[in-house]
Each structure stands twice: as structure tokens, then as C-alpha cells.
């Protein structure tokens, strides 16, 4: 009798399991098929937002704050080759967007909540040299300090850092 009661209770315990944050955001994602363009906006929960377009590069307003726009968009590269957004599948997420390329590479951009900051990443299912090239609106100077690249615009600063060594090119 006790074994039967435990077996009947197991599905109920599993049904009460809470999915992880990644599953939650994946369920909220709006998928845009290759070849379709869609405008999207994500906020930083302060006074900034990123306005972009899927399947294109540099077509939106970019990351806009009260001080203006410094960051417009970005491109990612695998082994020196630019990923082709026009043939990609994109997901608009509550915090930014994700691009899945035919070559298997995945890039993500997220606005960080309660910060004037965003995070970008590019990953590949195979060993490769990966790169992200930010498109900046008004660049006055660029310098590298260790593994951080600092960009100065018109009274604004942006810093780029990575968990791997950075090569400024």
C-alpha cells in the first residue's frame, strides 16, 4: 500500500516543479522566421531602451538613454566571417534578442535591468574564433586597458570586456 501511494504521489510532485528562468524566457520569446523583419524595443527599467529590427543590422535607433545614443547595433563573426542575419531565425525576448544562424552560431543581446548597460555574446557549437563588432554612433577615442576596451563618444563612455582575452582591431 505504501509503495502504491508513493508511486501515485510522484507525478504530483513533478507537476509542481518550477521551470528555470531560461525556460520561462524561452516560453515568452517571439520567434521571427528567416526573411521576416520585425521592429522590437527592450527597456533597461530606468530611462534607456534598445530599438532594433530583426533580420537587419543598424536599422533601428540602437541603445538610447537620456544622454543620447552611442551604441547602434552589433555584428558577430565566426572565424572571420560575418554571420548573415537575413537568413537567421531570431527571437525577441523581454530583455533583448537572440539570433540563431544557419552555421549554428548563436548571438544574444540583453539590456541589464536597472543599469545603463547591455551584454552581448556570441557562441558556436564548434571550436572557432568568435568576435563581436559594436556599431558606435559617435566615437572620439578608443583605447584598451588590459582586457577592457574603452570608447569615448560625445560626453559618453562605453566599456567592452570579455571573459576571454580581447584583441582590439
N, C-alpha and C. Protein backbone atom coordinates (compact mmCIF):
# COMPACT_ATOMS: atom_id res chain seq x y z
N UNK A 1 0.83 -1.19 0.00
CA UNK A 1 0.00 0.00 0.00
C UNK A 1 0.87 1.25 0.00
N UNK A 2 1.94 1.26 0.81
CA UNK A 2 2.81 2.43 0.89
C UNK A 2 3.52 2.68 -0.44
N UNK A 3 3.95 1.63 -1.13
CA UNK A 3 4.63 1.78 -2.41
C UNK A 3 3.67 2.36 -3.44
N UNK A 4 2.42 1.95 -3.42
CA UNK A 4 1.42 2.47 -4.35
C UNK A 4 1.17 3.95 -4.09
N UNK A 5 1.08 4.34 -2.84
CA UNK A 5 0.86 5.75 -2.50
C UNK A 5 2.04 6.60 -2.95
N UNK A 6 3.26 6.10 -2.79
CA UNK A 6 4.44 6.85 -3.22
C UNK A 6 4.48 6.97 -4.74
N UNK A 7 4.11 5.92 -5.45
CA UNK A 7 4.10 5.95 -6.91
C UNK A 7 3.05 6.93 -7.42
N UNK A 8 1.90 7.02 -6.75
CA UNK A 8 0.87 7.96 -7.17
C UNK A 8 1.25 9.40 -6.86
N UNK A 9 2.03 9.61 -5.82
CA UNK A 9 2.42 10.96 -5.42
C UNK A 9 3.54 11.52 -6.30
N UNK A 10 4.35 10.68 -6.90
CA UNK A 10 5.48 11.14 -7.72
C UNK A 10 5.05 12.05 -8.86
N UNK A 11 4.03 11.70 -9.68
CA UNK A 11 3.65 12.63 -10.75
C UNK A 11 3.18 13.98 -10.22
N UNK A 12 2.53 14.00 -9.05
CA UNK A 12 2.07 15.26 -8.48
C UNK A 12 3.24 16.12 -8.05
N UNK A 13 4.28 15.50 -7.51
CA UNK A 13 5.47 16.25 -7.10
C UNK A 13 6.17 16.83 -8.32
N UNK A 14 6.25 16.04 -9.39
CA UNK A 14 6.90 16.51 -10.62
C UNK A 14 6.08 17.63 -11.26
N UNK A 15 4.76 17.56 -11.18
CA UNK A 15 3.90 18.59 -11.77
C UNK A 15 4.08 19.92 -11.06
N UNK A 16 4.47 19.90 -9.80
CA UNK A 16 4.66 21.14 -9.04
C UNK A 16 6.04 21.75 -9.23
N UNK A 17 6.91 21.11 -10.02
CA UNK A 17 8.26 21.63 -10.23
C UNK A 17 8.19 22.95 -10.98
N UNK A 18 9.02 23.88 -10.57
CA UNK A 18 9.05 25.20 -11.19
C UNK A 18 10.14 25.21 -12.26
N UNK A 19 9.80 25.65 -13.49
CA UNK A 19 10.83 25.69 -14.54
C UNK A 19 11.86 26.76 -14.22
N UNK A 20 13.04 26.62 -14.80
CA UNK A 20 14.11 27.59 -14.59
C UNK A 20 13.84 28.89 -15.33
N UNK A 21 14.64 29.89 -15.05
CA UNK A 21 14.49 31.20 -15.66
C UNK A 21 14.63 31.11 -17.18
N UNK A 22 15.58 30.33 -17.66
CA UNK A 22 15.80 30.19 -19.10
C UNK A 22 14.54 29.65 -19.79
N UNK A 23 13.91 28.64 -19.20
CA UNK A 23 12.68 28.08 -19.76
C UNK A 23 11.56 29.12 -19.76
N UNK A 24 11.49 29.91 -18.71
CA UNK A 24 10.49 30.98 -18.61
C UNK A 24 10.65 31.98 -19.75
N UNK A 25 11.88 32.48 -19.97
CA UNK A 25 12.10 33.44 -21.04
C UNK A 25 11.93 32.82 -22.42
N UNK A 26 12.33 31.55 -22.59
CA UNK A 26 12.12 30.87 -23.87
C UNK A 26 10.63 30.78 -24.20
N UNK A 27 9.81 30.54 -23.18
CA UNK A 27 8.36 30.47 -23.41
C UNK A 27 7.78 31.83 -23.80
N UNK A 28 8.39 32.91 -23.35
CA UNK A 28 7.92 34.26 -23.66
C UNK A 28 8.45 34.78 -24.99
N UNK A 29 9.44 34.11 -25.57
CA UNK A 29 10.10 34.60 -26.78
C UNK A 29 9.13 34.66 -27.96
N UNK A 30 9.30 35.69 -28.78
CA UNK A 30 8.56 35.83 -30.03
C UNK A 30 9.54 35.47 -31.14
N UNK A 31 9.27 34.39 -31.86
CA UNK A 31 10.18 33.93 -32.91
C UNK A 31 9.83 34.61 -34.23
N UNK A 32 10.86 35.12 -34.88
CA UNK A 32 10.72 35.76 -36.19
C UNK A 32 11.45 34.87 -37.19
N UNK A 33 10.73 34.37 -38.17
CA UNK A 33 11.28 33.42 -39.14
C UNK A 33 12.30 34.10 -40.05
N UNK A 34 13.23 33.32 -40.61
CA UNK A 34 14.18 33.89 -41.56
C UNK A 34 13.45 34.64 -42.69
N UNK A 35 13.98 35.80 -43.04
CA UNK A 35 13.39 36.58 -44.12
C UNK A 35 12.33 37.58 -43.67
N UNK A 36 11.85 37.48 -42.45
CA UNK A 36 10.82 38.41 -41.97
C UNK A 36 11.48 39.47 -41.09
N UNK A 37 11.06 40.71 -41.25
CA UNK A 37 11.57 41.79 -40.42
C UNK A 37 10.51 42.20 -39.41
N UNK A 38 10.98 42.52 -38.22
CA UNK A 38 10.08 43.00 -37.17
C UNK A 38 10.84 44.00 -36.32
N UNK A 39 10.16 45.08 -35.95
CA UNK A 39 10.75 46.07 -35.06
C UNK A 39 10.54 45.60 -33.63
N UNK A 40 11.52 45.83 -32.77
CA UNK A 40 11.37 45.47 -31.36
C UNK A 40 12.02 46.52 -30.49
N UNK A 41 11.55 46.62 -29.26
CA UNK A 41 12.10 47.55 -28.28
C UNK A 41 12.21 46.81 -26.95
N UNK A 42 13.35 46.95 -26.29
CA UNK A 42 13.56 46.40 -24.95
C UNK A 42 14.05 47.52 -24.05
N UNK A 43 13.59 47.53 -22.80
CA UNK A 43 13.97 48.59 -21.88
C UNK A 43 14.93 48.12 -20.80
N UNK A 44 15.66 49.08 -20.20
CA UNK A 44 16.58 48.76 -19.13
C UNK A 44 15.97 49.02 -17.74
N UNK A 45 14.69 49.33 -17.68
CA UNK A 45 13.96 49.60 -16.44
C UNK A 45 14.47 50.85 -15.72
N UNK A 46 15.12 51.73 -16.47
CA UNK A 46 15.50 53.05 -15.98
C UNK A 46 14.89 54.04 -16.97
N UNK A 47 15.72 54.65 -17.78
CA UNK A 47 15.22 55.58 -18.80
C UNK A 47 15.80 55.25 -20.17
N UNK A 48 16.39 54.07 -20.31
CA UNK A 48 17.00 53.69 -21.58
C UNK A 48 16.27 52.55 -22.24
N UNK A 49 16.47 52.46 -23.55
CA UNK A 49 15.85 51.37 -24.32
C UNK A 49 16.71 51.06 -25.54
N UNK A 50 16.55 49.85 -26.07
CA UNK A 50 17.20 49.46 -27.31
C UNK A 50 16.09 49.23 -28.32
N UNK A 51 16.13 49.96 -29.43
CA UNK A 51 15.17 49.79 -30.52
C UNK A 51 15.92 49.24 -31.72
N UNK A 52 15.50 48.07 -32.19
CA UNK A 52 16.18 47.44 -33.32
C UNK A 52 15.19 46.80 -34.27
N UNK A 53 15.73 46.18 -35.29
CA UNK A 53 14.94 45.43 -36.27
C UNK A 53 15.59 44.07 -36.46
N UNK A 54 14.76 43.05 -36.53
CA UNK A 54 15.28 41.72 -36.81
C UNK A 54 15.68 41.64 -38.28
N UNK A 55 16.50 40.68 -38.61
CA UNK A 55 16.93 40.40 -39.97
C UNK A 55 17.67 41.57 -40.62
N UNK A 56 18.19 42.48 -39.83
CA UNK A 56 18.93 43.61 -40.39
C UNK A 56 19.97 44.08 -39.39
N UNK A 57 20.83 44.94 -39.84
CA UNK A 57 21.92 45.45 -39.00
C UNK A 57 21.90 46.97 -39.05
N UNK A 58 21.83 47.59 -37.89
CA UNK A 58 21.89 49.04 -37.80
C UNK A 58 20.68 49.78 -38.32
N UNK A 59 19.53 49.13 -38.37
CA UNK A 59 18.32 49.77 -38.91
C UNK A 59 17.46 50.43 -37.84
N UNK A 60 17.69 50.12 -36.58
CA UNK A 60 16.90 50.72 -35.51
C UNK A 60 17.60 51.92 -34.90
N UNK A 61 17.04 52.42 -33.82
CA UNK A 61 17.63 53.57 -33.12
C UNK A 61 18.86 53.18 -32.31
N UNK A 62 18.95 51.93 -31.88
CA UNK A 62 20.04 51.49 -31.04
C UNK A 62 19.70 51.66 -29.57
N UNK A 63 20.74 51.73 -28.73
CA UNK A 63 20.56 51.90 -27.29
C UNK A 63 20.52 53.38 -26.99
N UNK A 64 19.36 53.85 -26.55
CA UNK A 64 19.11 55.27 -26.33
C UNK A 64 18.93 55.52 -24.84
N UNK A 65 19.65 56.51 -24.31
CA UNK A 65 19.48 56.94 -22.92
C UNK A 65 19.22 58.45 -22.94
N UNK A 66 19.05 59.04 -21.78
CA UNK A 66 18.84 60.50 -21.71
C UNK A 66 20.01 61.27 -22.31
N UNK A 67 21.20 60.70 -22.23
CA UNK A 67 22.40 61.36 -22.74
C UNK A 67 22.55 61.23 -24.26
N UNK A 68 21.74 60.41 -24.88
CA UNK A 68 21.81 60.23 -26.33
C UNK A 68 22.06 58.78 -26.70
N UNK A 69 22.47 58.58 -27.94
CA UNK A 69 22.73 57.24 -28.48
C UNK A 69 24.21 57.11 -28.77
N UNK A 70 24.82 56.10 -28.20
CA UNK A 70 26.22 55.81 -28.50
C UNK A 70 26.32 54.48 -29.25
N UNK A 71 25.54 53.51 -28.82
CA UNK A 71 25.58 52.15 -29.37
C UNK A 71 24.40 51.95 -30.32
N UNK A 72 24.66 51.65 -31.58
CA UNK A 72 23.59 51.49 -32.56
C UNK A 72 23.19 50.03 -32.70
N UNK A 73 24.16 49.15 -32.91
CA UNK A 73 23.89 47.73 -33.12
C UNK A 73 25.23 47.01 -33.06
N UNK A 74 25.25 45.75 -33.40
CA UNK A 74 26.49 44.99 -33.41
C UNK A 74 26.39 43.87 -34.43
N UNK A 75 27.52 43.40 -34.87
CA UNK A 75 27.61 42.25 -35.77
C UNK A 75 28.49 41.21 -35.09
N UNK A 76 28.24 39.94 -35.38
CA UNK A 76 29.09 38.89 -34.83
C UNK A 76 29.78 38.14 -35.97
N UNK A 77 30.92 37.55 -35.64
CA UNK A 77 31.74 36.87 -36.63
C UNK A 77 32.19 35.53 -36.07
N UNK A 78 32.28 34.52 -36.95
CA UNK A 78 32.82 33.21 -36.61
C UNK A 78 33.95 32.95 -37.59
N UNK A 79 35.15 32.76 -37.07
CA UNK A 79 36.35 32.54 -37.89
C UNK A 79 36.53 33.62 -38.96
N UNK A 80 36.25 34.87 -38.60
CA UNK A 80 36.47 35.99 -39.51
C UNK A 80 35.34 36.24 -40.49
N UNK A 81 34.33 35.39 -40.50
CA UNK A 81 33.21 35.56 -41.43
C UNK A 81 32.01 36.14 -40.69
N UNK A 82 31.42 37.17 -41.28
CA UNK A 82 30.25 37.80 -40.66
C UNK A 82 29.07 36.85 -40.72
N UNK A 83 28.34 36.76 -39.62
CA UNK A 83 27.11 35.97 -39.61
C UNK A 83 26.05 36.74 -40.40
N UNK A 84 25.26 36.03 -41.18
CA UNK A 84 24.27 36.63 -42.08
C UNK A 84 22.91 36.67 -41.41
N UNK A 85 22.54 37.84 -40.88
CA UNK A 85 21.26 37.97 -40.18
C UNK A 85 20.06 37.76 -41.08
N UNK A 86 20.17 38.08 -42.34
CA UNK A 86 18.99 37.98 -43.21
C UNK A 86 18.51 36.54 -43.39
N UNK A 87 19.37 35.56 -43.09
CA UNK A 87 18.96 34.15 -43.20
C UNK A 87 18.82 33.49 -41.84
N UNK A 88 18.79 34.28 -40.80
CA UNK A 88 18.76 33.74 -39.45
C UNK A 88 17.35 33.63 -38.90
N UNK A 89 17.21 32.87 -37.82
CA UNK A 89 15.96 32.83 -37.06
C UNK A 89 16.22 33.65 -35.81
N UNK A 90 15.35 34.61 -35.53
CA UNK A 90 15.56 35.49 -34.38
C UNK A 90 14.42 35.35 -33.39
N UNK A 91 14.77 35.57 -32.14
CA UNK A 91 13.79 35.57 -31.07
C UNK A 91 13.86 36.91 -30.35
N UNK A 92 12.72 37.57 -30.22
CA UNK A 92 12.62 38.79 -29.43
C UNK A 92 12.26 38.35 -28.03
N UNK A 93 13.08 38.77 -27.07
CA UNK A 93 12.91 38.38 -25.67
C UNK A 93 12.56 39.61 -24.84
N UNK A 94 12.00 39.44 -23.67
CA UNK A 94 11.66 40.60 -22.84
C UNK A 94 12.86 41.50 -22.53
N UNK A 95 14.04 40.94 -22.51
CA UNK A 95 15.25 41.68 -22.15
C UNK A 95 16.15 42.01 -23.34
N UNK A 96 15.83 41.58 -24.55
CA UNK A 96 16.68 41.82 -25.71
C UNK A 96 16.31 40.90 -26.86
N UNK A 97 17.32 40.33 -27.50
CA UNK A 97 17.02 39.39 -28.58
C UNK A 97 18.14 38.37 -28.77
N UNK A 98 17.77 37.27 -29.45
CA UNK A 98 18.67 36.14 -29.71
C UNK A 98 18.59 35.85 -31.21
N UNK A 99 19.76 35.59 -31.81
CA UNK A 99 19.83 35.28 -33.23
C UNK A 99 20.48 33.91 -33.38
N UNK A 100 19.81 33.03 -34.12
CA UNK A 100 20.34 31.69 -34.40
C UNK A 100 20.67 31.62 -35.89
N UNK A 101 21.95 31.41 -36.20
CA UNK A 101 22.41 31.41 -37.58
C UNK A 101 22.43 30.01 -38.18
N UNK A 102 22.33 29.92 -39.52
CA UNK A 102 22.38 28.60 -40.17
C UNK A 102 23.67 27.84 -39.87
N UNK A 103 24.78 28.54 -39.60
CA UNK A 103 26.04 27.86 -39.30
C UNK A 103 26.10 27.34 -37.86
N UNK A 104 25.02 27.52 -37.09
CA UNK A 104 24.95 27.03 -35.72
C UNK A 104 25.33 28.06 -34.67
N UNK A 105 25.90 29.17 -35.09
CA UNK A 105 26.28 30.22 -34.13
C UNK A 105 25.03 30.85 -33.53
N UNK A 106 25.16 31.31 -32.30
CA UNK A 106 24.06 31.98 -31.60
C UNK A 106 24.63 33.25 -30.98
N UNK A 107 23.94 34.36 -31.21
CA UNK A 107 24.34 35.59 -30.54
C UNK A 107 23.16 36.09 -29.72
N UNK A 108 23.47 36.76 -28.63
CA UNK A 108 22.43 37.31 -27.76
C UNK A 108 22.81 38.71 -27.32
N UNK A 109 21.81 39.55 -27.18
CA UNK A 109 21.99 40.89 -26.65
C UNK A 109 20.93 41.07 -25.57
N UNK A 110 21.36 41.56 -24.41
CA UNK A 110 20.44 41.76 -23.30
C UNK A 110 20.69 43.11 -22.66
N UNK A 111 19.64 43.86 -22.40
CA UNK A 111 19.75 45.07 -21.59
C UNK A 111 19.73 44.63 -20.14
N UNK A 112 20.62 45.17 -19.35
CA UNK A 112 20.71 44.78 -17.96
C UNK A 112 19.76 45.64 -17.14
N UNK A 113 18.90 45.00 -16.40
CA UNK A 113 17.86 45.69 -15.64
C UNK A 113 18.46 46.60 -14.58
N UNK A 114 17.93 47.82 -14.50
CA UNK A 114 18.33 48.83 -13.51
C UNK A 114 19.78 49.30 -13.69
N UNK A 115 20.31 49.16 -14.90
CA UNK A 115 21.66 49.62 -15.23
C UNK A 115 21.62 50.26 -16.62
N UNK A 116 22.47 51.21 -16.87
CA UNK A 116 22.65 51.71 -18.23
C UNK A 116 23.73 50.85 -18.85
N UNK A 117 23.37 49.62 -19.15
CA UNK A 117 24.35 48.66 -19.66
C UNK A 117 23.64 47.58 -20.45
N UNK A 118 24.40 46.97 -21.34
CA UNK A 118 23.89 45.82 -22.07
C UNK A 118 24.99 44.79 -22.18
N UNK A 119 24.59 43.56 -22.42
CA UNK A 119 25.54 42.46 -22.56
C UNK A 119 25.30 41.80 -23.91
N UNK A 120 26.40 41.41 -24.54
CA UNK A 120 26.32 40.73 -25.83
C UNK A 120 27.16 39.46 -25.75
N UNK A 121 26.73 38.44 -26.45
CA UNK A 121 27.54 37.22 -26.51
C UNK A 121 27.38 36.57 -27.87
N UNK A 122 28.40 35.82 -28.26
CA UNK A 122 28.34 35.00 -29.47
C UNK A 122 28.94 33.66 -29.10
N UNK A 123 28.30 32.58 -29.57
CA UNK A 123 28.77 31.23 -29.27
C UNK A 123 28.66 30.38 -30.53
N UNK A 124 29.49 29.38 -30.61
CA UNK A 124 29.49 28.47 -31.76
C UNK A 124 29.52 27.04 -31.24
N UNK A 125 28.82 26.11 -31.93
CA UNK A 125 28.83 24.72 -31.48
C UNK A 125 30.16 24.02 -31.75
N UNK A 126 31.01 24.64 -32.53
CA UNK A 126 32.33 24.06 -32.82
C UNK A 126 33.41 25.04 -32.38
N UNK A 127 34.61 24.57 -32.21
CA UNK A 127 35.73 25.44 -31.84
C UNK A 127 35.93 26.47 -32.95
N UNK A 128 35.98 27.73 -32.59
CA UNK A 128 36.09 28.79 -33.59
C UNK A 128 36.60 30.06 -32.92
N UNK A 129 37.11 30.98 -33.75
CA UNK A 129 37.45 32.32 -33.28
C UNK A 129 36.18 33.16 -33.41
N UNK A 130 35.71 33.70 -32.30
CA UNK A 130 34.46 34.45 -32.27
C UNK A 130 34.75 35.93 -32.06
N UNK A 131 33.90 36.78 -32.65
CA UNK A 131 34.09 38.22 -32.49
C UNK A 131 32.74 38.92 -32.52
N UNK A 132 32.70 40.07 -31.84
CA UNK A 132 31.54 40.96 -31.89
C UNK A 132 32.07 42.34 -32.25
N UNK A 133 31.42 42.97 -33.23
CA UNK A 133 31.82 44.31 -33.66
C UNK A 133 30.67 45.27 -33.35
N UNK A 134 30.84 46.10 -32.30
CA UNK A 134 29.79 47.07 -31.99
C UNK A 134 29.78 48.21 -33.01
N UNK A 135 28.58 48.66 -33.37
CA UNK A 135 28.43 49.81 -34.25
C UNK A 135 28.14 51.01 -33.36
N UNK A 136 29.10 51.90 -33.30
CA UNK A 136 29.00 53.04 -32.40
C UNK A 136 28.69 54.30 -33.20
N UNK A 137 27.85 55.16 -32.63
CA UNK A 137 27.38 56.34 -33.35
C UNK A 137 28.42 57.45 -33.42
N UNK A 138 29.01 57.81 -32.30
CA UNK A 138 29.91 58.95 -32.24
C UNK A 138 31.13 58.56 -31.43
N UNK A 139 32.18 58.13 -32.11
CA UNK A 139 33.37 57.66 -31.42
C UNK A 139 34.48 58.69 -31.53
N UNK A 140 34.92 59.21 -30.38
CA UNK A 140 36.00 60.20 -30.36
C UNK A 140 37.35 59.53 -30.11
N UNK A 141 37.37 58.54 -29.21
CA UNK A 141 38.62 57.83 -28.94
C UNK A 141 38.32 56.41 -28.49
N UNK A 142 39.26 55.52 -28.78
CA UNK A 142 39.16 54.12 -28.39
C UNK A 142 40.51 53.72 -27.81
N UNK A 143 40.48 53.12 -26.62
CA UNK A 143 41.73 52.66 -26.01
C UNK A 143 41.48 51.33 -25.30
N UNK A 144 42.54 50.57 -25.17
CA UNK A 144 42.46 49.30 -24.48
C UNK A 144 43.27 49.37 -23.20
N UNK A 145 42.66 48.97 -22.09
CA UNK A 145 43.33 48.89 -20.80
C UNK A 145 43.18 47.46 -20.31
N UNK A 146 44.21 46.65 -20.50
CA UNK A 146 44.13 45.23 -20.14
C UNK A 146 43.12 44.53 -21.03
N UNK A 147 42.14 43.88 -20.43
CA UNK A 147 41.11 43.18 -21.19
C UNK A 147 39.82 43.99 -21.30
N UNK A 148 39.94 45.32 -21.21
CA UNK A 148 38.78 46.20 -21.35
C UNK A 148 39.07 47.21 -22.44
N UNK A 149 38.11 47.41 -23.33
CA UNK A 149 38.20 48.43 -24.37
C UNK A 149 37.26 49.56 -23.97
N UNK A 150 37.80 50.78 -23.91
CA UNK A 150 37.02 51.95 -23.50
C UNK A 150 36.83 52.85 -24.71
N UNK A 151 35.59 53.20 -24.97
CA UNK A 151 35.23 54.05 -26.10
C UNK A 151 34.62 55.33 -25.55
N UNK A 152 35.13 56.46 -26.02
CA UNK A 152 34.56 57.75 -25.61
C UNK A 152 33.84 58.36 -26.79
N UNK A 153 32.60 58.79 -26.52
CA UNK A 153 31.81 59.49 -27.52
C UNK A 153 31.64 60.93 -27.09
N UNK A 154 30.59 61.56 -27.52
CA UNK A 154 30.31 62.95 -27.17
C UNK A 154 29.82 63.01 -25.72
N UNK A 155 30.75 63.05 -24.77
CA UNK A 155 30.38 63.12 -23.36
C UNK A 155 29.89 61.80 -22.79
N UNK A 156 30.02 60.71 -23.52
CA UNK A 156 29.58 59.40 -23.08
C UNK A 156 30.74 58.43 -23.17
N UNK A 157 30.65 57.38 -22.36
CA UNK A 157 31.67 56.35 -22.38
C UNK A 157 31.00 54.99 -22.49
N UNK A 158 31.67 54.08 -23.17
CA UNK A 158 31.23 52.69 -23.22
C UNK A 158 32.46 51.84 -22.95
N UNK A 159 32.28 50.78 -22.20
CA UNK A 159 33.38 49.86 -21.90
C UNK A 159 32.98 48.46 -22.36
N UNK A 160 33.90 47.78 -23.02
CA UNK A 160 33.66 46.43 -23.51
C UNK A 160 34.66 45.51 -22.83
N UNK A 161 34.15 44.44 -22.24
CA UNK A 161 35.00 43.47 -21.56
C UNK A 161 34.53 42.07 -21.95
N UNK A 162 35.41 41.10 -21.77
CA UNK A 162 35.07 39.72 -22.13
C UNK A 162 35.69 38.76 -21.13
N UNK A 163 35.19 37.53 -21.15
CA UNK A 163 35.78 36.51 -20.27
C UNK A 163 36.95 35.81 -20.95
N UNK A 164 37.31 36.27 -22.13
CA UNK A 164 38.46 35.77 -22.88
C UNK A 164 39.33 36.97 -23.26
N UNK A 165 40.60 36.78 -23.59
CA UNK A 165 41.44 37.91 -23.99
C UNK A 165 40.83 38.66 -25.18
N UNK A 166 40.94 39.98 -25.13
CA UNK A 166 40.38 40.85 -26.18
C UNK A 166 41.49 41.28 -27.11
N UNK A 167 41.20 41.27 -28.41
CA UNK A 167 42.11 41.84 -29.40
C UNK A 167 41.36 42.98 -30.05
N UNK A 168 41.86 44.18 -29.91
CA UNK A 168 41.23 45.37 -30.48
C UNK A 168 41.67 45.49 -31.92
N UNK A 169 40.73 45.54 -32.84
CA UNK A 169 41.05 45.63 -34.26
C UNK A 169 40.15 46.66 -34.90
